[in-house]
PDB file of N, CA and C in Angstrom:
ATOM      1  N   MET A   1    -103.337  25.770 122.441  1.00  0.00           N
ATOM      2  CA  MET A   1    -102.848  25.212 123.703  1.00  0.00           C
ATOM      3  C   MET A   1    -102.468  26.352 124.624  1.00  0.00           C
ATOM      4  N   PHE A   2    -102.749  26.216 125.890  1.00  0.00           N
ATOM      5  CA  PHE A   2    -102.469  27.211 126.908  1.00  0.00           C
ATOM      6  C   PHE A   2    -101.222  26.802 127.657  1.00  0.00           C
ATOM      7  N   GLU A   3    -100.127  27.496 127.398  1.00  0.00           N
ATOM      8  CA  GLU A   3     -98.890  27.256 128.138  1.00  0.00           C
ATOM      9  C   GLU A   3     -98.902  28.219 129.304  1.00  0.00           C
ATOM     10  N   PHE A   4     -99.014  27.689 130.512  1.00  0.00           N
ATOM     11  CA  PHE A   4     -99.223  28.542 131.677  1.00  0.00           C
ATOM     12  C   PHE A   4     -97.947  29.231 132.112  1.00  0.00           C
ATOM     13  N   SER A   5     -98.006  30.535 132.188  1.00  0.00           N
ATOM     14  CA  SER A   5     -96.986  31.360 132.839  1.00  0.00           C
ATOM     15  C   SER A   5     -97.654  32.670 133.201  1.00  0.00           C
ATOM     16  N   VAL A   6     -97.156  33.305 134.226  1.00  0.00           N
ATOM     17  CA  VAL A   6     -97.713  34.582 134.663  1.00  0.00           C
ATOM     18  C   VAL A   6     -97.615  35.601 133.529  1.00  0.00           C
ATOM     19  N   GLU A   7     -96.503  35.575 132.815  1.00  0.00           N
ATOM     20  CA  GLU A   7     -96.326  36.506 131.702  1.00  0.00           C
ATOM     21  C   GLU A   7     -97.381  36.280 130.626  1.00  0.00           C
ATOM     22  N   LYS A   8     -97.665  35.023 130.336  1.00  0.00           N
ATOM     23  CA  LYS A   8     -98.678  34.676 129.330  1.00  0.00           C
ATOM     24  C   LYS A   8    -100.051  35.144 129.792  1.00  0.00           C
ATOM     25  N   VAL A   9    -100.368  34.913 131.059  1.00  0.00           N
ATOM     26  CA  VAL A   9    -101.660  35.348 131.601  1.00  0.00           C
ATOM     27  C   VAL A   9    -101.777  36.867 131.495  1.00  0.00           C
ATOM     28  N   SER A  10    -100.734  37.576 131.888  1.00  0.00           N
ATOM     29  CA  SER A  10    -100.758  39.045 131.819  1.00  0.00           C
ATOM     30  C   SER A  10    -100.972  39.528 130.392  1.00  0.00           C
ATOM     31  N   GLY A  11    -100.273  38.933 129.453  1.00  0.00           N
ATOM     32  CA  GLY A  11    -100.411  39.315 128.060  1.00  0.00           C
ATOM     33  C   GLY A  11    -101.808  39.073 127.526  1.00  0.00           C
ATOM     34  N   LEU A  12    -102.369  37.915 127.848  1.00  0.00           N
ATOM     35  CA  LEU A  12    -103.723  37.585 127.392  1.00  0.00           C
ATOM     36  C   LEU A  12    -104.759  38.502 128.034  1.00  0.00           C
ATOM     37  N   MET A  13    -104.542  38.837 129.291  1.00  0.00           N
ATOM     38  CA  MET A  13    -105.450  39.767 129.966  1.00  0.00           C
ATOM     39  C   MET A  13    -105.442  41.120 129.251  1.00  0.00           C
ATOM     40  N   ARG A  14    -104.249  41.603 128.910  1.00  0.00           N
ATOM     41  CA  ARG A  14    -104.135  42.881 128.192  1.00  0.00           C
ATOM     42  C   ARG A  14    -104.839  42.805 126.836  1.00  0.00           C
ATOM     43  N   GLU A  15    -104.576  41.715 126.111  1.00  0.00           N
ATOM     44  CA  GLU A  15    -105.204  41.519 124.793  1.00  0.00           C
ATOM     45  C   GLU A  15    -106.720  41.576 124.875  1.00  0.00           C
ATOM     46  N   LYS A  16    -107.263  40.991 125.916  1.00  0.00           N
ATOM     47  CA  LYS A  16    -108.711  40.864 126.040  1.00  0.00           C
ATOM     48  C   LYS A  16    -109.337  41.995 126.853  1.00  0.00           C
ATOM     49  N   GLY A  17    -108.508  42.923 127.313  1.00  0.00           N
ATOM     50  CA  GLY A  17    -109.019  44.067 128.073  1.00  0.00           C
ATOM     51  C   GLY A  17    -109.566  43.702 129.435  1.00  0.00           C
ATOM     52  N   LEU A  18    -109.025  42.651 130.030  1.00  0.00           N
ATOM     53  CA  LEU A  18    -109.482  42.208 131.347  1.00  0.00           C
ATOM     54  C   LEU A  18    -108.635  42.834 132.447  1.00  0.00           C
ATOM     55  N   ARG A  19    -109.307  43.293 133.474  1.00  0.00           N
ATOM     56  CA  ARG A  19    -108.610  43.826 134.648  1.00  0.00           C
ATOM     57  C   ARG A  19    -108.358  42.688 135.635  1.00  0.00           C
ATOM     58  N   GLN A  20    -107.415  42.896 136.538  1.00  0.00           N
ATOM     59  CA  GLN A  20    -107.120  41.872 137.537  1.00  0.00           C
ATOM     60  C   GLN A  20    -108.352  41.534 138.356  1.00  0.00           C
ATOM     61  N   ILE A  21    -109.138  42.534 138.718  1.00  0.00           N
ATOM     62  CA  ILE A  21    -110.336  42.275 139.515  1.00  0.00           C
ATOM     63  C   ILE A  21    -111.334  41.420 138.746  1.00  0.00           C
ATOM     64  N   ASP A  22    -111.415  41.606 137.416  1.00  0.00           N
ATOM     65  CA  ASP A  22    -112.313  40.785 136.598  1.00  0.00           C
ATOM     66  C   ASP A  22    -111.921  39.314 136.680  1.00  0.00           C
ATOM     67  N   VAL A  23    -110.631  39.059 136.556  1.00  0.00           N
ATOM     68  CA  VAL A  23    -110.143  37.681 136.577  1.00  0.00           C
ATOM     69  C   VAL A  23    -110.251  37.098 137.981  1.00  0.00           C
ATOM     70  N   ALA A  24    -109.906  37.897 138.989  1.00  0.00           N
ATOM     71  CA  ALA A  24    -110.036  37.428 140.379  1.00  0.00           C
ATOM     72  C   ALA A  24    -111.483  37.030 140.666  1.00  0.00           C
ATOM     73  N   ASP A  25    -112.422  37.860 140.244  1.00  0.00           N
ATOM     74  CA  ASP A  25    -113.849  37.533 140.444  1.00  0.00           C
ATOM     75  C   ASP A  25    -114.222  36.233 139.739  1.00  0.00           C
ATOM     76  N   ALA A  26    -113.736  36.048 138.527  1.00  0.00           N
ATOM     77  CA  ALA A  26    -114.041  34.825 137.774  1.00  0.00           C
ATOM     78  C   ALA A  26    -113.475  33.586 138.470  1.00  0.00           C
ATOM     79  N   LEU A  27    -112.340  33.768 139.167  1.00  0.00           N
ATOM     80  CA  LEU A  27    -111.720  32.652 139.889  1.00  0.00           C
ATOM     81  C   LEU A  27    -112.291  32.483 141.296  1.00  0.00           C
ATOM     82  N   CYS A  28    -113.178  33.401 141.679  1.00  0.00           N
ATOM     83  CA  CYS A  28    -113.779  33.396 143.028  1.00  0.00           C
ATOM     84  C   CYS A  28    -112.723  33.533 144.115  1.00  0.00           C
ATOM     85  N   ILE A  29    -111.750  34.418 143.847  1.00  0.00           N
ATOM     86  CA  ILE A  29    -110.729  34.719 144.846  1.00  0.00           C
ATOM     87  C   ILE A  29    -110.636  36.234 144.979  1.00  0.00           C
ATOM     88  N   SER A  30    -110.019  36.671 146.054  1.00  0.00           N
ATOM     89  CA  SER A  30    -109.867  38.108 146.266  1.00  0.00           C
ATOM     90  C   SER A  30    -108.807  38.672 145.324  1.00  0.00           C
ATOM     91  N   LEU A  31    -108.853  39.973 145.148  1.00  0.00           N
ATOM     92  CA  LEU A  31    -107.842  40.643 144.335  1.00  0.00           C
ATOM     93  C   LEU A  31    -106.465  40.452 144.959  1.00  0.00           C
ATOM     94  N   ALA A  32    -106.389  40.503 146.282  1.00  0.00           N
ATOM     95  CA  ALA A  32    -105.116  40.294 146.970  1.00  0.00           C
ATOM     96  C   ALA A  32    -104.568  38.893 146.691  1.00  0.00           C
ATOM     97  N   SER A  33    -105.436  37.886 146.723  1.00  0.00           N
ATOM     98  CA  SER A  33    -105.001  36.515 146.431  1.00  0.00           C
ATOM     99  C   SER A  33    -104.523  36.395 144.988  1.00  0.00           C
ATOM    100  N   PHE A  34    -105.253  37.020 144.066  1.00  0.00           N
ATOM    101  CA  PHE A  34    -104.846  36.990 142.664  1.00  0.00           C
ATOM    102  C   PHE A  34    -103.479  37.653 142.500  1.00  0.00           C
ATOM    103  N   ASN A  35    -103.285  38.793 143.133  1.00  0.00           N
ATOM    104  CA  ASN A  35    -101.994  39.484 143.056  1.00  0.00           C
ATOM    105  C   ASN A  35    -100.873  38.626 143.629  1.00  0.00           C
ATOM    106  N   ASN A  36    -101.135  37.948 144.735  1.00  0.00           N
ATOM    107  CA  ASN A  36    -100.125  37.057 145.316  1.00  0.00           C
ATOM    108  C   ASN A  36     -99.748  35.944 144.347  1.00  0.00           C
ATOM    109  N   LYS A  37    -100.726  35.412 143.659  1.00  0.00           N
ATOM    110  CA  LYS A  37    -100.466  34.345 142.689  1.00  0.00           C
ATOM    111  C   LYS A  37     -99.692  34.887 141.489  1.00  0.00           C
ATOM    112  N   MET A  38    -100.073  36.065 141.007  1.00  0.00           N
ATOM    113  CA  MET A  38     -99.385  36.663 139.861  1.00  0.00           C
ATOM    114  C   MET A  38     -97.954  37.079 140.203  1.00  0.00           C
ATOM    115  N   ASN A  39     -97.707  37.386 141.478  1.00  0.00           N
ATOM    116  CA  ASN A  39     -96.368  37.780 141.920  1.00  0.00           C
ATOM    117  C   ASN A  39     -95.533  36.609 142.419  1.00  0.00           C
ATOM    118  N   GLY A  40     -96.076  35.386 142.318  1.00  0.00           N
ATOM    119  CA  GLY A  40     -95.322  34.199 142.691  1.00  0.00           C
ATOM    120  C   GLY A  40     -95.262  33.910 144.181  1.00  0.00           C
ATOM    121  N   LYS A  41     -96.056  34.629 144.970  1.00  0.00           N
ATOM    122  CA  LYS A  41     -96.054  34.394 146.415  1.00  0.00           C
ATOM    123  C   LYS A  41     -96.829  33.130 146.783  1.00  0.00           C
ATOM    124  N   THR A  42     -97.857  32.831 145.985  1.00  0.00           N
ATOM    125  CA  THR A  42     -98.610  31.586 146.137  1.00  0.00           C
ATOM    126  C   THR A  42     -98.837  31.029 144.736  1.00  0.00           C
ATOM    127  N   GLU A  43     -99.206  29.767 144.659  1.00  0.00           N
ATOM    128  CA  GLU A  43     -99.387  29.120 143.359  1.00  0.00           C
ATOM    129  C   GLU A  43    -100.868  29.031 142.988  1.00  0.00           C
ATOM    130  N   PHE A  44    -101.128  29.058 141.691  1.00  0.00           N
ATOM    131  CA  PHE A  44    -102.473  28.798 141.193  1.00  0.00           C
ATOM    132  C   PHE A  44    -102.761  27.314 141.350  1.00  0.00           C
ATOM    133  N   THR A  45    -103.992  26.991 141.703  1.00  0.00           N
ATOM    134  CA  THR A  45    -104.399  25.589 141.747  1.00  0.00           C
ATOM    135  C   THR A  45    -104.722  25.143 140.324  1.00  0.00           C
ATOM    136  N   LEU A  46    -104.804  23.852 140.115  1.00  0.00           N
ATOM    137  CA  LEU A  46    -105.172  23.322 138.806  1.00  0.00           C
ATOM    138  C   LEU A  46    -106.563  23.820 138.407  1.00  0.00           C
ATOM    139  N   LYS A  47    -107.469  23.839 139.359  1.00  0.00           N
ATOM    140  CA  LYS A  47    -108.822  24.339 139.097  1.00  0.00           C
ATOM    141  C   LYS A  47    -108.771  25.795 138.637  1.00  0.00           C
ATOM    142  N   GLU A  48    -107.943  26.609 139.289  1.00  0.00           N
ATOM    143  CA  GLU A  48    -107.817  28.019 138.907  1.00  0.00           C
ATOM    144  C   GLU A  48    -107.200  28.165 137.513  1.00  0.00           C
ATOM    145  N   ILE A  49    -106.225  27.334 137.203  1.00  0.00           N
ATOM    146  CA  ILE A  49    -105.600  27.387 135.877  1.00  0.00           C
ATOM    147  C   ILE A  49    -106.623  27.024 134.799  1.00  0.00           C
ATOM    148  N   LYS A  50    -107.433  26.014 135.070  1.00  0.00           N
ATOM    149  CA  LYS A  50    -108.482  25.632 134.113  1.00  0.00           C
ATOM    150  C   LYS A  50    -109.476  26.774 133.927  1.00  0.00           C
ATOM    151  N   GLU A  51    -109.842  27.438 135.010  1.00  0.00           N
ATOM    152  CA  GLU A  51    -110.781  28.554 134.921  1.00  0.00           C
ATOM    153  C   GLU A  51    -110.134  29.736 134.192  1.00  0.00           C
ATOM    154  N   LEU A  52    -108.848  29.966 134.432  1.00  0.00           N
ATOM    155  CA  LEU A  52    -108.125  31.008 133.706  1.00  0.00           C
ATOM    156  C   LEU A  52    -108.189  30.757 132.198  1.00  0.00           C
ATOM    157  N   ALA A  53    -107.975  29.524 131.814  1.00  0.00           N
ATOM    158  CA  ALA A  53    -108.027  29.167 130.397  1.00  0.00           C
ATOM    159  C   ALA A  53    -109.411  29.463 129.833  1.00  0.00           C
ATOM    160  N   ARG A  54    -110.453  29.166 130.589  1.00  0.00           N
ATOM    161  CA  ARG A  54    -111.813  29.437 130.135  1.00  0.00           C
ATOM    162  C   ARG A  54    -112.041  30.944 130.008  1.00  0.00           C
ATOM    163  N   VAL A  55    -111.660  31.687 131.027  1.00  0.00           N
ATOM    164  CA  VAL A  55    -111.857  33.141 131.033  1.00  0.00           C
ATOM    165  C   VAL A  55    -111.072  33.795 129.895  1.00  0.00           C
ATOM    166  N   LEU A  56    -109.868  33.295 129.654  1.00  0.00           N
ATOM    167  CA  LEU A  56    -109.016  33.874 128.613  1.00  0.00           C
ATOM    168  C   LEU A  56    -109.326  33.302 127.231  1.00  0.00           C
ATOM    169  N   ASN A  57    -110.266  32.361 127.192  1.00  0.00           N
ATOM    170  CA  ASN A  57    -110.716  31.750 125.941  1.00  0.00           C
ATOM    171  C   ASN A  57    -109.565  31.087 125.176  1.00  0.00           C
ATOM    172  N   VAL A  58    -108.815  30.263 125.910  1.00  0.00           N
ATOM    173  CA  VAL A  58    -107.739  29.489 125.307  1.00  0.00           C
ATOM    174  C   VAL A  58    -107.903  28.030 125.674  1.00  0.00           C
ATOM    175  N   GLU A  59    -107.362  27.164 124.850  1.00  0.00           N
ATOM    176  CA  GLU A  59    -107.456  25.720 125.102  1.00  0.00           C
ATOM    177  C   GLU A  59    -106.458  25.341 126.195  1.00  0.00           C
ATOM    178  N   PHE A  60    -106.891  24.470 127.083  1.00  0.00           N
ATOM    179  CA  PHE A  60    -106.053  24.020 128.185  1.00  0.00           C
ATOM    180  C   PHE A  60    -105.749  22.542 127.995  1.00  0.00           C
ATOM    181  N   ILE A  61    -104.474  22.216 127.931  1.00  0.00           N
ATOM    182  CA  ILE A  61    -104.050  20.827 127.758  1.00  0.00           C
ATOM    183  C   ILE A  61    -103.056  20.498 128.850  1.00  0.00           C
ATOM    184  N   ILE A  62    -103.280  19.375 129.523  1.00  0.00           N
ATOM    185  CA  ILE A  62    -102.331  18.910 130.523  1.00  0.00           C
ATOM    186  C   ILE A  62    -101.358  17.968 129.837  1.00  0.00           C
ATOM    187  N   SER A  63    -100.092  18.253 129.983  1.00  0.00           N
ATOM    188  CA  SER A  63     -99.083  17.356 129.397  1.00  0.00           C
ATOM    189  C   SER A  63     -98.071  16.983 130.473  1.00  0.00           C
ATOM    190  N   LYS A  64     -97.537  15.807 130.324  1.00  0.00           N
ATOM    191  CA  LYS A  64     -96.556  15.315 131.271  1.00  0.00           C
ATOM    192  C   LYS A  64     -95.199  15.951 130.947  1.00  0.00           C
ATOM    193  N   GLY A  65     -94.545  16.500 131.975  1.00  0.00           N
ATOM    194  CA  GLY A  65     -93.231  17.115 131.776  1.00  0.00           C
ATOM    195  C   GLY A  65     -92.197  16.079 131.388  1.00  0.00           C
ATOM    196  N   GLU A  66     -91.189  16.539 130.659  1.00  0.00           N
ATOM    197  CA  GLU A  66     -90.147  15.611 130.205  1.00  0.00           C
ATOM    198  C   GLU A  66     -88.874  15.837 130.952  1.00  0.00           C
TER     199      GLU A  66
END
């Protein structure tokens, strides 16, 4: 299961040897946009989160918050 957090994304990127530009390209966004999202200035869309899960090779599950 993919629990989304910027810290988790950063850790998985390091594990897999992915650079920010690699992930930004996979999401079809600019490096600046990716950095803004990673720094909390803008939010990832659901589509981007799903693509992140694919790129990072993790399962993505949507669950209702409690």
